[in-house]
Amino acid sequence: MNRIAQGLTLVLLGAAALSSTLFSDLYLNWVKPAFGPFLIAAGAVMAILGVLVIAAELRGGGSAEPDCAPDHGHDHERAPRVAWLLLAPVVAVFVVAPPALGSYTVERDDAPAAPPEAPLRGSSFDDGLDEAAPGEAVDMDIRQFVMRAWVDEERAMAGREIELTGFAVPAEDGQGWYLARLQMACCAADAIVNKVLITNTTAPDKDSWWTVRGTWVEPEGDLADVAQHEFHALDQEAVQNPPDPYEG
């Protein structure tokens, strides 16, 4: 790989970052929206640096070496061949861009997430249940539902109709299916699985999106000891335009 090829690699990497942020929402498959400006800045810097490297090489800058430079049997104008691997991210974005995480991640998540810490006394949940009128169906994130199910000792969700939206994941034992979403702090690498088990309806196709209206299956005993919270579906509707697969 000569210096012009190195410059082209930088330009392509920068273009990949810019195309996935400025001209599409592709970057949301891997990071949170707040990281968009940083990706734009990084892409612009890489593209500009690549152009400068190419321009300097075309002008002949840095092509000559001192005559006294020792000859070690290799070309100092060329980077190691392994540098071509830098093109792999470009190929991934432009040719086979990885999709957002989905059922595969949920199926590999053997252990349930740890129960979140309960809100401080006197504070409220942010799921809209407390503000909703009696008998009104409440639209919640699966993350919000799971937090309530684990830590709300008053069990305010009991008997309330709730709407959850997520993608379908068949249960490994064939007993029902999971409605799941993923929660990430900064990027897909730290994604946490949030899911509820539905056993009273037939499992839909894997990775298909659904809005399910139903009720919490209230467990007995300590909420924090429940390994997997269940949801009793009353109605479900396919989602034609799935939202961001990540919550929170």
Protein backbone atom coordinates (compact mmCIF):
# COMPACT_ATOMS: atom_id res chain seq x y z
CA MET A 1 0.00 0.00 0.00
CA ASN A 2 1.66 3.27 -1.14
CA ARG A 3 0.90 6.67 0.29
CA ILE A 4 -1.76 7.50 -2.27
CA ALA A 5 -3.57 4.29 -1.34
CA GLN A 6 -3.22 5.22 2.32
CA GLY A 7 -4.77 8.59 1.60
CA LEU A 8 -7.59 6.97 -0.33
CA THR A 9 -8.25 4.66 2.59
CA LEU A 10 -8.60 7.65 4.91
CA VAL A 11 -10.93 9.36 2.45
CA LEU A 12 -13.10 6.26 2.14
CA LEU A 13 -13.24 5.76 5.90
CA GLY A 14 -14.24 9.38 6.34
CA ALA A 15 -16.83 9.05 3.60
CA ALA A 16 -18.24 5.95 5.29
CA ALA A 17 -18.65 7.83 8.57
CA LEU A 18 -20.25 10.81 6.83
CA SER A 19 -22.59 8.77 4.65
CA SER A 20 -23.93 6.83 7.63
CA THR A 21 -24.64 10.05 9.58
CA LEU A 22 -25.33 12.94 7.22
CA PHE A 23 -27.23 11.05 4.53
CA SER A 24 -28.88 8.24 6.52
CA ASP A 25 -29.61 6.99 10.03
CA LEU A 26 -27.44 3.91 9.55
CA TYR A 27 -25.19 4.88 12.45
CA LEU A 28 -28.12 4.38 14.85
CA ASN A 29 -27.64 0.64 14.38
CA TRP A 30 -24.43 0.89 16.38
CA VAL A 31 -24.42 4.03 18.57
CA LYS A 32 -26.84 6.41 20.27
CA PRO A 33 -28.03 9.54 18.42
CA ALA A 34 -25.90 11.77 20.65
CA PHE A 35 -22.78 10.36 19.02
CA GLY A 36 -23.82 11.55 15.55
CA PRO A 37 -21.95 14.91 15.72
CA PHE A 38 -18.77 13.17 16.88
CA LEU A 39 -18.95 10.72 13.97
CA ILE A 40 -19.50 13.59 11.54
CA ALA A 41 -16.46 15.43 12.94
CA ALA A 42 -14.30 12.29 12.84
CA GLY A 43 -15.40 11.50 9.29
CA ALA A 44 -14.62 15.03 8.11
CA VAL A 45 -11.17 14.97 9.73
CA MET A 46 -10.30 11.61 8.16
CA ALA A 47 -11.49 12.70 4.73
CA ILE A 48 -9.51 15.96 4.89
CA LEU A 49 -6.37 14.20 6.09
CA GLY A 50 -6.71 11.68 3.29
CA VAL A 51 -6.98 14.44 0.70
CA LEU A 52 -3.91 16.17 2.16
CA VAL A 53 -1.89 12.94 2.03
CA ILE A 54 -2.85 12.37 -1.60
CA ALA A 55 -2.14 16.00 -2.56
CA ALA A 56 1.27 15.95 -0.88
CA GLU A 57 2.21 12.72 -2.63
CA LEU A 58 1.09 14.00 -6.03
CA ARG A 59 3.22 17.11 -5.53
CA GLY A 60 6.17 14.83 -4.83
CA GLY A 61 6.45 15.87 -1.23
CA GLY A 62 8.23 13.31 0.90
CA SER A 63 8.99 11.03 -2.02
CA ALA A 64 12.72 11.54 -1.91
CA GLU A 65 14.87 9.97 0.77
CA PRO A 66 18.42 10.92 1.78
CA ASP A 67 21.06 9.08 -0.26
CA CYS A 68 22.72 7.99 2.95
CA ALA A 69 19.63 6.16 4.15
CA PRO A 70 20.49 2.49 4.69
CA ASP A 71 18.88 -0.06 2.40
CA HIS A 72 17.21 -2.76 4.47
CA GLY A 73 15.80 -4.59 1.47
CA HIS A 74 12.32 -3.04 1.58
CA ASP A 75 10.55 0.01 0.22
CA HIS A 76 10.20 2.84 2.72
CA GLU A 77 7.50 4.40 0.57
CA ARG A 78 5.16 1.53 1.29
CA ALA A 79 3.26 0.60 4.41
CA PRO A 80 2.97 -3.05 5.50
CA ARG A 81 0.52 -5.10 3.46
CA VAL A 82 -1.57 -5.67 6.57
CA ALA A 83 -2.56 -2.00 6.27
CA TRP A 84 -5.00 -3.06 3.55
CA LEU A 85 -7.16 -4.43 6.38
CA LEU A 86 -8.09 -0.83 7.09
CA LEU A 87 -10.40 -1.13 4.12
CA ALA A 88 -12.50 -3.76 5.90
CA PRO A 89 -14.69 -1.20 7.74
CA VAL A 90 -15.29 0.58 4.45
CA VAL A 91 -16.42 -2.65 2.80
CA ALA A 92 -18.64 -3.41 5.80
CA VAL A 93 -20.42 -0.05 5.62
CA PHE A 94 -20.75 0.32 1.86
CA VAL A 95 -21.33 -3.33 0.90
CA VAL A 96 -22.54 -5.43 3.84
CA ALA A 97 -23.37 -2.94 6.58
CA PRO A 98 -24.14 -4.85 9.80
CA PRO A 99 -27.78 -4.49 10.83
CA ALA A 100 -28.93 -3.50 14.27
CA LEU A 101 -28.80 -6.17 16.96
CA GLY A 102 -31.85 -8.39 17.14
CA SER A 103 -33.06 -11.86 18.08
CA TYR A 104 -29.58 -13.40 17.81
CA THR A 105 -28.39 -11.20 20.67
CA VAL A 106 -31.45 -12.03 22.77
CA GLU A 107 -31.04 -15.79 22.19
CA ARG A 108 -27.41 -15.63 23.33
CA ASP A 109 -28.38 -13.78 26.49
CA ASP A 110 -28.63 -16.73 28.87
CA ALA A 111 -28.82 -14.83 32.16
CA PRO A 112 -31.51 -12.21 32.81
CA ALA A 113 -30.37 -8.68 33.50
CA ALA A 114 -29.96 -7.72 37.14
CA PRO A 115 -32.91 -5.89 38.69
CA PRO A 116 -32.43 -2.12 38.47
CA GLU A 117 -32.21 -0.01 41.59
CA ALA A 118 -35.55 1.19 42.87
CA PRO A 119 -36.33 4.92 42.51
CA LEU A 120 -35.72 6.98 45.61
CA ARG A 121 -38.63 7.23 48.01
CA GLY A 122 -40.96 10.01 46.95
CA SER A 123 -39.82 9.94 43.34
CA SER A 124 -41.95 8.56 40.50
CA PHE A 125 -41.38 6.26 37.56
CA ASP A 126 -41.10 7.82 34.11
CA ASP A 127 -43.46 5.38 32.38
CA GLY A 128 -46.71 7.37 32.53
CA LEU A 129 -48.61 4.76 34.54
CA ASP A 130 -49.14 6.98 37.59
CA GLU A 131 -50.55 9.79 35.44
CA ALA A 132 -52.85 7.59 33.33
CA ALA A 133 -56.57 7.48 34.08
CA PRO A 134 -57.99 4.25 35.52
CA GLY A 135 -58.79 1.81 32.72
CA GLU A 136 -56.61 3.64 30.21
CA ALA A 137 -54.06 1.52 28.35
CA VAL A 138 -50.54 2.79 29.01
CA ASP A 139 -47.88 2.76 26.28
CA MET A 140 -44.55 1.75 27.86
CA ASP A 141 -41.05 0.92 26.74
CA ILE A 142 -40.15 -2.66 27.59
CA ARG A 143 -37.34 -1.20 29.68
CA GLN A 144 -39.88 0.76 31.73
CA PHE A 145 -42.13 -2.27 32.11
CA VAL A 146 -39.29 -4.48 33.33
CA MET A 147 -38.16 -1.86 35.85
CA ARG A 148 -41.67 -1.53 37.25
CA ALA A 149 -42.10 -5.29 37.41
CA TRP A 150 -38.88 -5.69 39.37
CA VAL A 151 -38.89 -2.82 41.83
CA ASP A 152 -42.41 -1.40 42.32
CA GLU A 153 -43.37 -2.97 45.62
CA GLU A 154 -46.81 -1.36 45.39
CA ARG A 155 -47.41 -3.43 42.22
CA ALA A 156 -49.25 -0.57 40.54
CA MET A 157 -49.22 -2.41 37.19
CA ALA A 158 -51.41 -5.23 38.48
CA GLY A 159 -54.62 -5.38 36.45
CA ARG A 160 -53.66 -2.41 34.23
CA GLU A 161 -53.68 -2.68 30.44
CA ILE A 162 -50.26 -1.90 28.99
CA GLU A 163 -48.98 -1.63 25.42
CA LEU A 164 -45.46 -2.82 24.62
CA THR A 165 -43.65 -2.69 21.26
CA GLY A 166 -40.70 -4.88 20.34
CA PHE A 167 -39.43 -7.68 18.14
CA ALA A 168 -40.34 -11.35 18.52
CA VAL A 169 -37.91 -14.00 19.74
CA PRO A 170 -39.08 -17.63 20.09
CA ALA A 171 -38.46 -19.18 23.50
CA GLU A 172 -35.81 -21.91 23.40
CA ASP A 173 -38.07 -24.46 25.09
CA GLY A 174 -40.90 -23.76 22.67
CA GLN A 175 -43.10 -22.50 25.48
CA GLY A 176 -44.19 -19.11 24.21
CA TRP A 177 -42.07 -16.26 22.88
CA TYR A 178 -40.33 -13.12 23.99
CA LEU A 179 -41.17 -9.54 23.09
CA ALA A 180 -37.80 -7.85 23.32
CA ARG A 181 -35.94 -4.57 22.93
CA LEU A 182 -32.32 -3.66 23.58
CA GLN A 183 -31.03 -0.90 25.80
CA MET A 184 -27.61 0.65 25.27
CA ALA A 185 -25.64 3.19 27.28
CA CYS A 186 -23.46 4.38 24.40
CA CYS A 187 -23.08 1.74 21.67
CA ALA A 188 -24.28 -1.68 20.56
CA ALA A 189 -21.34 -3.35 22.31
CA ASP A 190 -22.85 -2.61 25.75
CA ALA A 191 -26.46 -3.43 24.82
CA ILE A 192 -28.64 -4.94 27.54
CA VAL A 193 -31.57 -7.21 26.72
CA ASN A 194 -35.00 -6.29 28.05
CA LYS A 195 -37.73 -8.83 27.34
CA VAL A 196 -41.05 -10.17 28.55
CA LEU A 197 -42.35 -13.72 28.14
CA ILE A 198 -45.68 -14.27 26.38
CA THR A 199 -47.15 -17.77 26.58
CA ASN A 200 -50.83 -17.35 25.71
CA THR A 201 -50.36 -16.65 21.97
CA THR A 202 -48.54 -18.39 19.14
CA ALA A 203 -44.99 -17.20 18.53
CA PRO A 204 -44.74 -14.88 15.49
CA ASP A 205 -41.87 -14.95 13.02
CA LYS A 206 -38.46 -14.26 14.51
CA ASP A 207 -37.45 -10.58 14.40
CA SER A 208 -40.92 -9.46 13.32
CA TRP A 209 -42.14 -6.35 15.17
CA TRP A 210 -45.33 -6.22 17.20
CA THR A 211 -47.29 -3.93 19.46
CA VAL A 212 -48.88 -6.09 22.14
CA ARG A 213 -51.62 -4.88 24.50
CA GLY A 214 -52.01 -6.93 27.64
CA THR A 215 -51.47 -7.21 31.37
CA TRP A 216 -48.62 -8.03 33.68
CA VAL A 217 -48.69 -11.57 35.07
CA GLU A 218 -48.26 -10.66 38.73
CA PRO A 219 -45.81 -13.04 40.43
CA GLU A 220 -45.94 -14.31 43.96
CA GLY A 221 -43.23 -13.56 46.48
CA ASP A 222 -40.41 -11.05 46.23
CA LEU A 223 -40.33 -9.23 42.90
CA ALA A 224 -36.53 -9.11 42.82
CA ASP A 225 -36.43 -12.93 42.86
CA VAL A 226 -38.35 -13.25 39.60
CA ALA A 227 -36.02 -14.42 36.82
CA GLN A 228 -38.35 -13.56 33.94
CA HIS A 229 -41.48 -11.42 34.05
CA GLU A 230 -44.46 -12.55 32.00
CA PHE A 231 -47.02 -10.64 29.97
CA HIS A 232 -50.55 -11.84 29.17
CA ALA A 233 -51.42 -10.67 25.65
CA LEU A 234 -54.96 -9.42 24.99
CA ASP A 235 -54.34 -8.12 21.49
CA GLN A 236 -51.36 -7.74 19.16
CA GLU A 237 -50.73 -5.83 15.95
CA ALA A 238 -47.86 -6.08 13.49
CA VAL A 239 -45.65 -2.99 13.25
CA GLN A 240 -45.10 -1.95 9.64
CA ASN A 241 -42.44 0.70 10.30
CA PRO A 242 -40.34 -0.58 13.22
CA PRO A 243 -38.83 2.07 15.48
CA ASP A 244 -35.27 2.26 16.71
CA PRO A 245 -34.49 -1.24 18.10
CA TYR A 246 -32.77 0.35 21.09
CA GLU A 247 -34.35 1.93 24.13
CA GLY A 248 -32.83 4.28 26.65
